[in-house]
Amino acid sequence: MPNKKERQKWLAKIWATPTPFDVDFFDKGNEIVVTTNYRGDVTGWWIDIFKALYPEHTYRAKADIIKLKPSPGVSVKINKRTGIMKVSGKNHWPWMLDNFSEVLEQGNADMQTLEEAQSISDNSVTRYLQLDKNVEEVQDLLDMIPEGGGIMQNDFIMRLWKSLIDDWLGCGATLYIVTPRIDEERLFQLFLLMIRNKGTASQATLVTPVKFQGVQFKKVLDTTRRMMKKTRTPRSQKRLVSDVKMQWAFENLHVHHESFTTNFIAAFKDEEAEVLTTTAHFHKSHFHSNQKDNVCYNKLSTTDLKRNYLFPLNVTTVNY
């Protein structure tokens, strides 16, 4: 069996499979614990999945536990009361690697849209991000920017920054966050936005210097990692972000180092692109005080975005 770090990487890849509500994995060594924040009949959902994939197998119930053996050396136990699943047995790890993505994909068979799925998942992350659930939030904010751009308050820029990134990631766009200075809180929020929108086939790249005004980006990244491990949900006091979700987020944020002083966020999908330019660094010095900065939003072609904004910073999109 691979070591814990390698198992965590594999679980992160499996977790990235779109699901109709949030699913999480916890590696206990001799078993994998699978949880979900869905408050409906999650046990019935799991059973329907396994019956579709393993119709000839027997399902035994004892008290609150339903037990099945999908493969030799693999035992699956589902708690009817909590919805928690435990996968154990001498062959549980290879079975998880070979089959659990298919289990999650089967769970999507009746899912109509990913947006509907997100409305019942990741509620804790959404609350932490303080995102408005109004679907018109992004357009309402964009309408507040004067034609040709203007000077806006720090709290407005922060709301627009989060809402635009959430919107772009949610539609599967390729996203760029370009800033010479980013702090651990903004980086934490970026990771949470990625986690909230997993499964949309979006891509995210952060463009920032290796070092800015004496602060190493690696130090900011390490501080963010510690924050993610320490942050708890307000009600249950459970970790907001599990190790598996952290692993996925850190692996899926592309970081490109370059020296510059400009700030913008941009995204493209197919031939359409959007860009929000601002004088605000994505840093607490611009968002935790009564700061005012320039903001300008434009729609343009993907070709123009690449030529005018990305290529001058030596950012290529060949990997996308």
C-alpha atoms as a PDB file:
ATOM      1  CA  MET A   1       0.000   0.000   0.000  1.00  0.00           C
ATOM      2  CA  PRO A   2       1.329   3.501  -0.815  1.00  0.00           C
ATOM      3  CA  ASN A   3       2.256   5.911   1.989  1.00  0.00           C
ATOM      4  CA  LYS A   4      -0.215   8.377   3.494  1.00  0.00           C
ATOM      5  CA  LYS A   5       0.868  11.300   1.302  1.00  0.00           C
ATOM      6  CA  GLU A   6       0.462   9.271  -1.879  1.00  0.00           C
ATOM      7  CA  ARG A   7      -2.948   7.983  -0.739  1.00  0.00           C
ATOM      8  CA  GLN A   8      -4.049  11.537  -0.035  1.00  0.00           C
ATOM      9  CA  LYS A   9      -3.140  12.567  -3.592  1.00  0.00           C
ATOM     10  CA  TRP A  10      -5.176   9.722  -5.035  1.00  0.00           C
ATOM     11  CA  LEU A  11      -8.148  10.484  -2.791  1.00  0.00           C
ATOM     12  CA  ALA A  12      -7.972  14.126  -3.925  1.00  0.00           C
ATOM     13  CA  LYS A  13      -8.270  12.993  -7.558  1.00  0.00           C
ATOM     14  CA  ILE A  14     -11.273  10.817  -6.710  1.00  0.00           C
ATOM     15  CA  TRP A  15     -12.858  13.648  -4.687  1.00  0.00           C
ATOM     16  CA  ALA A  16     -12.690  15.914  -7.756  1.00  0.00           C
ATOM     17  CA  THR A  17     -15.426  13.798  -9.397  1.00  0.00           C
ATOM     18  CA  PRO A  18     -18.611  15.968  -9.538  1.00  0.00           C
ATOM     19  CA  THR A  19     -21.273  14.902  -7.025  1.00  0.00           C
ATOM     20  CA  PRO A  20     -24.823  16.165  -6.387  1.00  0.00           C
ATOM     21  CA  PHE A  21     -23.784  17.153  -2.865  1.00  0.00           C
ATOM     22  CA  ASP A  22     -20.497  17.537  -1.034  1.00  0.00           C
ATOM     23  CA  VAL A  23     -18.612  14.311  -0.306  1.00  0.00           C
ATOM     24  CA  ASP A  24     -15.390  14.057   1.687  1.00  0.00           C
ATOM     25  CA  PHE A  25     -12.800  11.362   2.451  1.00  0.00           C
ATOM     26  CA  PHE A  26     -10.796  10.674   5.602  1.00  0.00           C
ATOM     27  CA  ASP A  27      -7.940   8.186   5.415  1.00  0.00           C
ATOM     28  CA  LYS A  28      -7.653   6.163   8.626  1.00  0.00           C
ATOM     29  CA  GLY A  29      -5.025   3.803   7.263  1.00  0.00           C
ATOM     30  CA  ASN A  30      -6.967   0.562   7.632  1.00  0.00           C
ATOM     31  CA  GLU A  31     -10.176   2.143   6.301  1.00  0.00           C
ATOM     32  CA  ILE A  32     -11.503   5.113   4.331  1.00  0.00           C
ATOM     33  CA  VAL A  33     -14.320   7.097   5.959  1.00  0.00           C
ATOM     34  CA  VAL A  34     -16.672   8.777   3.471  1.00  0.00           C
ATOM     35  CA  THR A  35     -18.901  11.604   4.720  1.00  0.00           C
ATOM     36  CA  THR A  36     -21.323  14.110   3.229  1.00  0.00           C
ATOM     37  CA  ASN A  37     -23.026  17.265   4.466  1.00  0.00           C
ATOM     38  CA  TYR A  38     -26.319  16.360   2.761  1.00  0.00           C
ATOM     39  CA  ARG A  39     -29.117  16.142   5.339  1.00  0.00           C
ATOM     40  CA  GLY A  40     -31.549  14.079   3.287  1.00  0.00           C
ATOM     41  CA  ASP A  41     -31.609  10.317   2.737  1.00  0.00           C
ATOM     42  CA  VAL A  42     -27.930   9.917   1.925  1.00  0.00           C
ATOM     43  CA  THR A  43     -28.045   6.228   2.876  1.00  0.00           C
ATOM     44  CA  GLY A  44     -30.697   5.588   0.221  1.00  0.00           C
ATOM     45  CA  TRP A  45     -28.530   7.461  -2.290  1.00  0.00           C
ATOM     46  CA  TRP A  46     -25.514   5.243  -1.552  1.00  0.00           C
ATOM     47  CA  ILE A  47     -27.574   2.048  -1.674  1.00  0.00           C
ATOM     48  CA  ASP A  48     -29.116   2.993  -5.035  1.00  0.00           C
ATOM     49  CA  ILE A  49     -25.620   3.548  -6.418  1.00  0.00           C
ATOM     50  CA  PHE A  50     -24.293   0.203  -5.222  1.00  0.00           C
ATOM     51  CA  LYS A  51     -27.371  -1.686  -6.393  1.00  0.00           C
ATOM     52  CA  ALA A  52     -26.910  -0.206  -9.852  1.00  0.00           C
ATOM     53  CA  LEU A  53     -23.229  -1.176  -9.968  1.00  0.00           C
ATOM     54  CA  TYR A  54     -23.467  -4.470  -8.059  1.00  0.00           C
ATOM     55  CA  PRO A  55     -27.013  -5.784  -8.650  1.00  0.00           C
ATOM     56  CA  GLU A  56     -26.161  -9.387  -7.706  1.00  0.00           C
ATOM     57  CA  HIS A  57     -24.729  -8.573  -4.278  1.00  0.00           C
ATOM     58  CA  THR A  58     -26.476  -9.095  -0.951  1.00  0.00           C
ATOM     59  CA  TYR A  59     -27.080  -6.189   1.408  1.00  0.00           C
ATOM     60  CA  ARG A  60     -27.259  -7.099   5.082  1.00  0.00           C
ATOM     61  CA  ALA A  61     -28.696  -4.782   7.722  1.00  0.00           C
ATOM     62  CA  LYS A  62     -28.025  -4.990  11.453  1.00  0.00           C
ATOM     63  CA  ALA A  63     -29.294  -2.233  13.748  1.00  0.00           C
ATOM     64  CA  ASP A  64     -28.164   1.034  12.110  1.00  0.00           C
ATOM     65  CA  ILE A  65     -25.535  -0.567   9.843  1.00  0.00           C
ATOM     66  CA  ILE A  66     -25.980  -1.767   6.262  1.00  0.00           C
ATOM     67  CA  LYS A  67     -23.102  -3.958   5.099  1.00  0.00           C
ATOM     68  CA  LEU A  68     -22.089  -5.132   1.638  1.00  0.00           C
ATOM     69  CA  LYS A  69     -19.030  -6.706   0.002  1.00  0.00           C
ATOM     70  CA  PRO A  70     -18.601  -5.268  -3.502  1.00  0.00           C
ATOM     71  CA  SER A  71     -15.379  -7.220  -4.054  1.00  0.00           C
ATOM     72  CA  PRO A  72     -13.327  -9.929  -2.288  1.00  0.00           C
ATOM     73  CA  GLY A  73     -11.436  -8.409   0.636  1.00  0.00           C
ATOM     74  CA  VAL A  74     -13.571  -5.250   0.601  1.00  0.00           C
ATOM     75  CA  SER A  75     -16.240  -4.377   3.162  1.00  0.00           C
ATOM     76  CA  VAL A  76     -18.545  -1.365   2.900  1.00  0.00           C
ATOM     77  CA  LYS A  77     -20.554  -0.318   5.957  1.00  0.00           C
ATOM     78  CA  ILE A  78     -23.113   2.497   5.833  1.00  0.00           C
ATOM     79  CA  ASN A  79     -24.616   3.980   8.981  1.00  0.00           C
ATOM     80  CA  LYS A  80     -28.324   4.587   8.305  1.00  0.00           C
ATOM     81  CA  ARG A  81     -28.518   7.182  11.069  1.00  0.00           C
ATOM     82  CA  THR A  82     -25.491   9.315  10.131  1.00  0.00           C
ATOM     83  CA  GLY A  83     -24.989   8.431   6.453  1.00  0.00           C
ATOM     84  CA  ILE A  84     -21.280   7.824   7.145  1.00  0.00           C
ATOM     85  CA  MET A  85     -19.682   5.121   5.001  1.00  0.00           C
ATOM     86  CA  LYS A  86     -16.612   3.097   5.957  1.00  0.00           C
ATOM     87  CA  VAL A  87     -14.626   1.134   3.381  1.00  0.00           C
ATOM     88  CA  SER A  88     -12.272  -1.435   4.881  1.00  0.00           C
ATOM     89  CA  GLY A  89     -10.723  -4.879   4.283  1.00  0.00           C
ATOM     90  CA  LYS A  90      -7.351  -6.074   3.003  1.00  0.00           C
ATOM     91  CA  ASN A  91      -8.174  -5.000  -0.567  1.00  0.00           C
ATOM     92  CA  HIS A  92     -10.025  -1.767   0.255  1.00  0.00           C
ATOM     93  CA  TRP A  93      -7.335   0.550  -1.143  1.00  0.00           C
ATOM     94  CA  PRO A  94      -7.017  -0.920  -4.672  1.00  0.00           C
ATOM     95  CA  TRP A  95     -10.813  -1.163  -4.827  1.00  0.00           C
ATOM     96  CA  MET A  96     -11.125   2.554  -3.931  1.00  0.00           C
ATOM     97  CA  LEU A  97      -8.615   3.478  -6.647  1.00  0.00           C
ATOM     98  CA  ASP A  98     -10.217   1.352  -9.334  1.00  0.00           C
ATOM     99  CA  ASN A  99     -13.893   1.815  -8.542  1.00  0.00           C
ATOM    100  CA  PHE A 100     -14.858   4.782  -6.393  1.00  0.00           C
ATOM    101  CA  SER A 101     -14.792   7.369  -9.162  1.00  0.00           C
ATOM    102  CA  GLU A 102     -17.320   5.164 -10.944  1.00  0.00           C
ATOM    103  CA  VAL A 103     -19.368   5.032  -7.723  1.00  0.00           C
ATOM    104  CA  LEU A 104     -19.492   8.836  -7.632  1.00  0.00           C
ATOM    105  CA  GLU A 105     -20.223   9.088 -11.359  1.00  0.00           C
ATOM    106  CA  GLN A 106     -23.154   6.708 -10.899  1.00  0.00           C
ATOM    107  CA  GLY A 107     -24.420   9.056  -8.195  1.00  0.00           C
ATOM    108  CA  ASN A 108     -24.591  11.798 -10.824  1.00  0.00           C
ATOM    109  CA  ALA A 109     -26.900   9.826 -13.105  1.00  0.00           C
ATOM    110  CA  ASP A 110     -29.992  11.744 -12.018  1.00  0.00           C
ATOM    111  CA  MET A 111     -28.304  15.100 -11.490  1.00  0.00           C
ATOM    112  CA  GLN A 112     -29.690  17.770 -13.828  1.00  0.00           C
ATOM    113  CA  THR A 113     -27.160  20.593 -13.497  1.00  0.00           C
ATOM    114  CA  LEU A 114     -23.998  21.231 -11.540  1.00  0.00           C
ATOM    115  CA  GLU A 115     -25.392  24.583 -10.385  1.00  0.00           C
ATOM    116  CA  GLU A 116     -28.292  22.793  -8.697  1.00  0.00           C
ATOM    117  CA  ALA A 117     -25.841  20.469  -7.015  1.00  0.00           C
ATOM    118  CA  GLN A 118     -23.791  23.359  -5.671  1.00  0.00           C
ATOM    119  CA  SER A 119     -26.886  24.878  -4.064  1.00  0.00           C
ATOM    120  CA  ILE A 120     -27.014  21.965  -1.619  1.00  0.00           C
ATOM    121  CA  SER A 121     -23.289  21.456  -1.104  1.00  0.00           C
ATOM    122  CA  ASP A 122     -20.375  23.273   0.467  1.00  0.00           C
ATOM    123  CA  ASN A 123     -22.690  25.426   2.619  1.00  0.00           C
ATOM    124  CA  SER A 124     -19.972  25.989   5.234  1.00  0.00           C
ATOM    125  CA  VAL A 125     -17.520  27.210   2.601  1.00  0.00           C
ATOM    126  CA  THR A 126     -20.153  29.516   1.090  1.00  0.00           C
ATOM    127  CA  ARG A 127     -20.915  31.034   4.494  1.00  0.00           C
ATOM    128  CA  TYR A 128     -17.228  31.511   5.235  1.00  0.00           C
ATOM    129  CA  LEU A 129     -16.731  33.279   1.908  1.00  0.00           C
ATOM    130  CA  GLN A 130     -19.782  35.478   2.626  1.00  0.00           C
ATOM    131  CA  LEU A 131     -21.007  35.017  -0.925  1.00  0.00           C
ATOM    132  CA  ASP A 132     -24.410  36.380  -1.861  1.00  0.00           C
ATOM    133  CA  LYS A 133     -26.723  33.561  -2.970  1.00  0.00           C
ATOM    134  CA  ASN A 134     -28.492  35.928  -5.377  1.00  0.00           C
ATOM    135  CA  VAL A 135     -27.701  34.699  -8.890  1.00  0.00           C
ATOM    136  CA  GLU A 136     -27.709  38.299 -10.120  1.00  0.00           C
ATOM    137  CA  GLU A 137     -24.972  39.316  -7.687  1.00  0.00           C
ATOM    138  CA  VAL A 138     -22.190  39.518 -10.269  1.00  0.00           C
ATOM    139  CA  GLN A 139     -24.137  41.554 -12.808  1.00  0.00           C
ATOM    140  CA  ASP A 140     -25.453  43.874 -10.083  1.00  0.00           C
ATOM    141  CA  LEU A 141     -21.896  44.597  -8.988  1.00  0.00           C
ATOM    142  CA  LEU A 142     -20.631  45.089 -12.541  1.00  0.00           C
ATOM    143  CA  ASP A 143     -23.472  47.541 -13.223  1.00  0.00           C
ATOM    144  CA  MET A 144     -22.159  49.703 -10.369  1.00  0.00           C
ATOM    145  CA  ILE A 145     -18.857  50.318 -12.161  1.00  0.00           C
ATOM    146  CA  PRO A 146     -19.028  53.559 -14.198  1.00  0.00           C
ATOM    147  CA  GLU A 147     -18.655  53.234 -17.950  1.00  0.00           C
ATOM    148  CA  GLY A 148     -14.953  53.475 -18.680  1.00  0.00           C
ATOM    149  CA  GLY A 149     -14.077  52.603 -15.067  1.00  0.00           C
ATOM    150  CA  GLY A 150     -13.851  54.637 -11.889  1.00  0.00           C
ATOM    151  CA  ILE A 151     -12.692  54.896  -8.298  1.00  0.00           C
ATOM    152  CA  MET A 152     -14.343  52.357  -5.972  1.00  0.00           C
ATOM    153  CA  GLN A 153     -14.250  51.508  -2.253  1.00  0.00           C
ATOM    154  CA  ASN A 154     -12.230  48.631  -0.826  1.00  0.00           C
ATOM    155  CA  ASP A 155     -15.262  46.581   0.322  1.00  0.00           C
ATOM    156  CA  PHE A 156     -16.864  46.813  -3.133  1.00  0.00           C
ATOM    157  CA  ILE A 157     -13.686  45.638  -4.856  1.00  0.00           C
ATOM    158  CA  MET A 158     -13.394  42.681  -2.463  1.00  0.00           C
ATOM    159  CA  ARG A 159     -17.026  41.620  -3.101  1.00  0.00           C
ATOM    160  CA  LEU A 160     -16.565  41.935  -6.843  1.00  0.00           C
ATOM    161  CA  TRP A 161     -13.258  40.031  -6.739  1.00  0.00           C
ATOM    162  CA  LYS A 162     -14.842  37.049  -4.966  1.00  0.00           C
ATOM    163  CA  SER A 163     -18.074  37.086  -6.951  1.00  0.00           C
ATOM    164  CA  LEU A 164     -16.388  37.271 -10.345  1.00  0.00           C
ATOM    165  CA  ILE A 165     -13.948  34.471  -9.540  1.00  0.00           C
ATOM    166  CA  ASP A 166     -16.798  32.332  -8.211  1.00  0.00           C
ATOM    167  CA  ASP A 167     -18.820  33.011 -11.362  1.00  0.00           C
ATOM    168  CA  TRP A 168     -15.921  32.243 -13.700  1.00  0.00           C
ATOM    169  CA  LEU A 169     -14.933  29.044 -11.905  1.00  0.00           C
ATOM    170  CA  GLY A 170     -18.574  27.983 -11.787  1.00  0.00           C
ATOM    171  CA  CYS A 171     -18.921  28.080 -15.572  1.00  0.00           C
ATOM    172  CA  GLY A 172     -15.713  26.145 -16.220  1.00  0.00           C
ATOM    173  CA  ALA A 173     -13.604  29.075 -17.427  1.00  0.00           C
ATOM    174  CA  THR A 174      -9.825  29.400 -17.426  1.00  0.00           C
ATOM    175  CA  LEU A 175      -8.978  31.935 -14.723  1.00  0.00           C
ATOM    176  CA  TYR A 176      -6.000  34.199 -14.000  1.00  0.00           C
ATOM    177  CA  ILE A 177      -5.342  36.161 -10.806  1.00  0.00           C
ATOM    178  CA  VAL A 178      -2.491  38.595 -11.427  1.00  0.00           C
ATOM    179  CA  THR A 179      -1.129  40.595  -8.511  1.00  0.00           C
ATOM    180  CA  PRO A 180       2.332  41.561  -7.249  1.00  0.00           C
ATOM    181  CA  ARG A 181       1.195  41.150  -3.662  1.00  0.00           C
ATOM    182  CA  ILE A 182      -1.213  38.624  -2.171  1.00  0.00           C
ATOM    183  CA  ASP A 183      -1.718  37.769   1.499  1.00  0.00           C
ATOM    184  CA  GLU A 184      -2.708  34.515   3.146  1.00  0.00           C
ATOM    185  CA  GLU A 185      -6.382  35.512   3.596  1.00  0.00           C
ATOM    186  CA  ARG A 186      -6.908  36.287  -0.098  1.00  0.00           C
ATOM    187  CA  LEU A 187      -5.045  33.108  -1.055  1.00  0.00           C
ATOM    188  CA  PHE A 188      -7.187  31.126   1.393  1.00  0.00           C
ATOM    189  CA  GLN A 189     -10.330  32.562  -0.205  1.00  0.00           C
ATOM    190  CA  LEU A 190      -9.071  31.638  -3.662  1.00  0.00           C
ATOM    191  CA  PHE A 191      -8.569  28.030  -2.555  1.00  0.00           C
ATOM    192  CA  LEU A 192     -12.071  27.961  -1.045  1.00  0.00           C
ATOM    193  CA  LEU A 193     -13.576  29.314  -4.270  1.00  0.00           C
ATOM    194  CA  MET A 194     -11.816  26.537  -6.168  1.00  0.00           C
ATOM    195  CA  ILE A 195     -13.102  23.912  -3.724  1.00  0.00           C
ATOM    196  CA  ARG A 196     -16.624  25.303  -3.937  1.00  0.00           C
ATOM    197  CA  ASN A 197     -16.550  24.949  -7.733  1.00  0.00           C
ATOM    198  CA  LYS A 198     -14.762  21.615  -8.112  1.00  0.00           C
ATOM    199  CA  GLY A 199     -15.893  19.478 -10.981  1.00  0.00           C
ATOM    200  CA  THR A 200     -16.545  22.314 -13.445  1.00  0.00           C
ATOM    201  CA  ALA A 201     -13.380  21.659 -15.494  1.00  0.00           C
ATOM    202  CA  SER A 202     -12.160  25.184 -14.681  1.00  0.00           C
ATOM    203  CA  GLN A 203      -8.464  26.072 -14.454  1.00  0.00           C
ATOM    204  CA  ALA A 204      -6.918  28.630 -12.109  1.00  0.00           C
ATOM    205  CA  THR A 205      -3.521  30.325 -12.377  1.00  0.00           C
ATOM    206  CA  LEU A 206      -2.013  32.774  -9.908  1.00  0.00           C
ATOM    207  CA  VAL A 207       0.622  35.090 -11.371  1.00  0.00           C
ATOM    208  CA  THR A 208       2.764  36.735  -8.704  1.00  0.00           C
ATOM    209  CA  PRO A 209       6.466  37.462  -8.034  1.00  0.00           C
ATOM    210  CA  VAL A 210       8.636  34.998  -6.140  1.00  0.00           C
ATOM    211  CA  LYS A 211       9.319  37.836  -3.706  1.00  0.00           C
ATOM    212  CA  PHE A 212       7.739  41.257  -3.255  1.00  0.00           C
ATOM    213  CA  GLN A 213       8.928  43.939  -0.793  1.00  0.00           C
ATOM    214  CA  GLY A 214      10.923  41.349   1.121  1.00  0.00           C
ATOM    215  CA  VAL A 215       8.057  38.849   1.471  1.00  0.00           C
ATOM    216  CA  GLN A 216       8.520  35.450  -0.148  1.00  0.00           C
ATOM    217  CA  PHE A 217       5.451  33.959  -1.808  1.00  0.00           C
ATOM    218  CA  LYS A 218       6.410  30.564  -0.376  1.00  0.00           C
ATOM    219  CA  LYS A 219       6.020  32.008   3.119  1.00  0.00           C
ATOM    220  CA  VAL A 220       2.511  33.264   2.258  1.00  0.00           C
ATOM    221  CA  LEU A 221       1.657  29.832   0.865  1.00  0.00           C
ATOM    222  CA  ASP A 222       2.894  28.069   4.022  1.00  0.00           C
ATOM    223  CA  THR A 223       0.895  30.434   6.237  1.00  0.00           C
ATOM    224  CA  THR A 224      -2.204  29.784   4.126  1.00  0.00           C
ATOM    225  CA  ARG A 225      -1.743  26.037   4.552  1.00  0.00           C
ATOM    226  CA  ARG A 226      -1.651  26.455   8.346  1.00  0.00           C
ATOM    227  CA  MET A 227      -4.756  28.657   8.235  1.00  0.00           C
ATOM    228  CA  MET A 228      -6.650  26.044   6.263  1.00  0.00           C
ATOM    229  CA  LYS A 229      -5.761  23.367   8.800  1.00  0.00           C
ATOM    230  CA  LYS A 230      -6.807  25.502  11.760  1.00  0.00           C
ATOM    231  CA  THR A 231     -10.037  27.071  10.475  1.00  0.00           C
ATOM    232  CA  ARG A 232     -13.184  25.491  11.939  1.00  0.00           C
ATOM    233  CA  THR A 233     -16.855  25.709  11.075  1.00  0.00           C
ATOM    234  CA  PRO A 234     -18.729  27.961  13.540  1.00  0.00           C
ATOM    235  CA  ARG A 235     -21.436  25.446  14.453  1.00  0.00           C
ATOM    236  CA  SER A 236     -19.853  22.001  14.609  1.00  0.00           C
ATOM    237  CA  GLN A 237     -16.260  23.197  15.115  1.00  0.00           C
ATOM    238  CA  LYS A 238     -15.116  20.699  12.517  1.00  0.00           C
ATOM    239  CA  ARG A 239     -12.354  21.585  10.094  1.00  0.00           C
ATOM    240  CA  LEU A 240     -13.650  23.761   7.295  1.00  0.00           C
ATOM    241  CA  VAL A 241     -11.283  22.128   4.799  1.00  0.00           C
ATOM    242  CA  SER A 242     -10.173  18.497   5.041  1.00  0.00           C
ATOM    243  CA  ASP A 243      -6.697  17.266   4.090  1.00  0.00           C
ATOM    244  CA  VAL A 244      -8.090  15.738   0.891  1.00  0.00           C
ATOM    245  CA  LYS A 245      -9.697  19.025  -0.212  1.00  0.00           C
ATOM    246  CA  MET A 246      -6.511  20.914   0.668  1.00  0.00           C
ATOM    247  CA  GLN A 247      -4.475  18.487  -1.389  1.00  0.00           C
ATOM    248  CA  TRP A 248      -6.759  18.964  -4.378  1.00  0.00           C
ATOM    249  CA  ALA A 249      -6.732  22.776  -4.105  1.00  0.00           C
ATOM    250  CA  PHE A 250      -2.947  23.068  -3.783  1.00  0.00           C
ATOM    251  CA  GLU A 251      -2.398  20.691  -6.701  1.00  0.00           C
ATOM    252  CA  ASN A 252      -4.874  22.479  -8.964  1.00  0.00           C
ATOM    253  CA  LEU A 253      -3.732  26.076  -8.495  1.00  0.00           C
ATOM    254  CA  HIS A 254      -1.067  26.784 -11.095  1.00  0.00           C
ATOM    255  CA  VAL A 255       1.461  29.367  -9.880  1.00  0.00           C
ATOM    256  CA  HIS A 256       3.504  31.401 -12.354  1.00  0.00           C
ATOM    257  CA  HIS A 257       6.208  33.718 -11.013  1.00  0.00           C
ATOM    258  CA  GLU A 258       6.987  36.960 -12.802  1.00  0.00           C
ATOM    259  CA  SER A 259       8.126  40.481 -11.821  1.00  0.00           C
ATOM    260  CA  PHE A 260       5.553  43.244 -12.416  1.00  0.00           C
ATOM    261  CA  THR A 261       3.355  45.767 -10.579  1.00  0.00           C
ATOM    262  CA  THR A 262      -0.027  45.452 -12.308  1.00  0.00           C
ATOM    263  CA  ASN A 263      -3.243  43.936 -10.900  1.00  0.00           C
ATOM    264  CA  PHE A 264      -6.075  42.211 -12.722  1.00  0.00           C
ATOM    265  CA  ILE A 265      -8.239  39.132 -12.753  1.00  0.00           C
ATOM    266  CA  ALA A 266      -9.339  37.646 -16.045  1.00  0.00           C
ATOM    267  CA  ALA A 267     -10.971  34.568 -17.515  1.00  0.00           C
ATOM    268  CA  PHE A 268     -11.794  33.093 -20.870  1.00  0.00           C
ATOM    269  CA  LYS A 269     -13.953  30.324 -22.204  1.00  0.00           C
ATOM    270  CA  ASP A 270     -13.962  29.450 -25.877  1.00  0.00           C
ATOM    271  CA  GLU A 271     -13.588  32.750 -27.748  1.00  0.00           C
ATOM    272  CA  GLU A 272     -14.977  35.094 -25.073  1.00  0.00           C
ATOM    273  CA  ALA A 273     -12.973  36.708 -22.285  1.00  0.00           C
ATOM    274  CA  GLU A 274     -13.431  39.163 -19.423  1.00  0.00           C
ATOM    275  CA  VAL A 275     -10.928  41.224 -17.471  1.00  0.00           C
ATOM    276  CA  LEU A 276     -11.174  43.347 -14.329  1.00  0.00           C
ATOM    277  CA  THR A 277      -8.232  45.704 -13.908  1.00  0.00           C
ATOM    278  CA  THR A 278      -7.613  47.578 -10.683  1.00  0.00           C
ATOM    279  CA  THR A 279      -4.915  49.412  -8.765  1.00  0.00           C
ATOM    280  CA  ALA A 280      -5.705  47.273  -5.712  1.00  0.00           C
ATOM    281  CA  HIS A 281      -3.261  44.559  -4.727  1.00  0.00           C
ATOM    282  CA  PHE A 282      -5.100  41.459  -3.518  1.00  0.00           C
ATOM    283  CA  HIS A 283      -3.741  42.098  -0.065  1.00  0.00           C
ATOM    284  CA  LYS A 284      -5.043  43.213   3.326  1.00  0.00           C
ATOM    285  CA  SER A 285      -3.380  46.609   2.880  1.00  0.00           C
ATOM    286  CA  HIS A 286      -6.025  47.346   0.227  1.00  0.00           C
ATOM    287  CA  PHE A 287      -9.003  45.514   1.713  1.00  0.00           C
ATOM    288  CA  HIS A 288      -8.744  46.016   5.486  1.00  0.00           C
ATOM    289  CA  SER A 289      -8.702  49.801   5.425  1.00  0.00           C
ATOM    290  CA  ASN A 290     -10.789  52.564   3.881  1.00  0.00           C
ATOM    291  CA  GLN A 291      -8.842  52.281   0.651  1.00  0.00           C
ATOM    292  CA  LYS A 292     -10.021  53.576  -2.738  1.00  0.00           C
ATOM    293  CA  ASP A 293      -8.736  52.154  -6.019  1.00  0.00           C
ATOM    294  CA  ASN A 294      -9.329  52.332  -9.726  1.00  0.00           C
ATOM    295  CA  VAL A 295     -11.542  49.606 -11.211  1.00  0.00           C
ATOM    296  CA  CYS A 296     -12.316  48.908 -14.872  1.00  0.00           C
ATOM    297  CA  TYR A 297     -14.170  45.946 -16.397  1.00  0.00           C
ATOM    298  CA  ASN A 298     -14.062  44.912 -20.043  1.00  0.00           C
ATOM    299  CA  LYS A 299     -15.238  42.122 -22.303  1.00  0.00           C
ATOM    300  CA  LEU A 300     -12.890  41.173 -25.110  1.00  0.00           C
ATOM    301  CA  SER A 301     -11.898  38.273 -27.296  1.00  0.00           C
ATOM    302  CA  THR A 302      -9.802  35.440 -25.924  1.00  0.00           C
ATOM    303  CA  THR A 303      -7.148  36.286 -28.509  1.00  0.00           C
ATOM    304  CA  ASP A 304      -6.925  39.895 -27.268  1.00  0.00           C
ATOM    305  CA  LEU A 305      -6.776  38.768 -23.632  1.00  0.00           C
ATOM    306  CA  LYS A 306      -3.857  36.484 -24.377  1.00  0.00           C
ATOM    307  CA  ARG A 307      -2.025  39.001 -26.585  1.00  0.00           C
ATOM    308  CA  ASN A 308      -2.570  42.135 -24.468  1.00  0.00           C
ATOM    309  CA  TYR A 309      -2.572  40.789 -20.903  1.00  0.00           C
ATOM    310  CA  LEU A 310      -1.091  37.296 -20.606  1.00  0.00           C
ATOM    311  CA  PHE A 311       1.736  37.045 -23.129  1.00  0.00           C
ATOM    312  CA  PRO A 312       3.444  40.288 -21.904  1.00  0.00           C
ATOM    313  CA  LEU A 313       3.777  38.547 -18.516  1.00  0.00           C
ATOM    314  CA  ASN A 314       5.184  35.427 -20.183  1.00  0.00           C
ATOM    315  CA  VAL A 315       2.024  33.537 -19.306  1.00  0.00           C
ATOM    316  CA  THR A 316       1.132  30.933 -21.903  1.00  0.00           C
ATOM    317  CA  THR A 317      -2.081  28.941 -22.133  1.00  0.00           C
ATOM    318  CA  VAL A 318      -0.574  25.941 -23.871  1.00  0.00           C
ATOM    319  CA  ASN A 319      -1.458  23.632 -20.950  1.00  0.00           C
ATOM    320  CA  TYR A 320      -5.147  24.550 -21.203  1.00  0.00           C
END
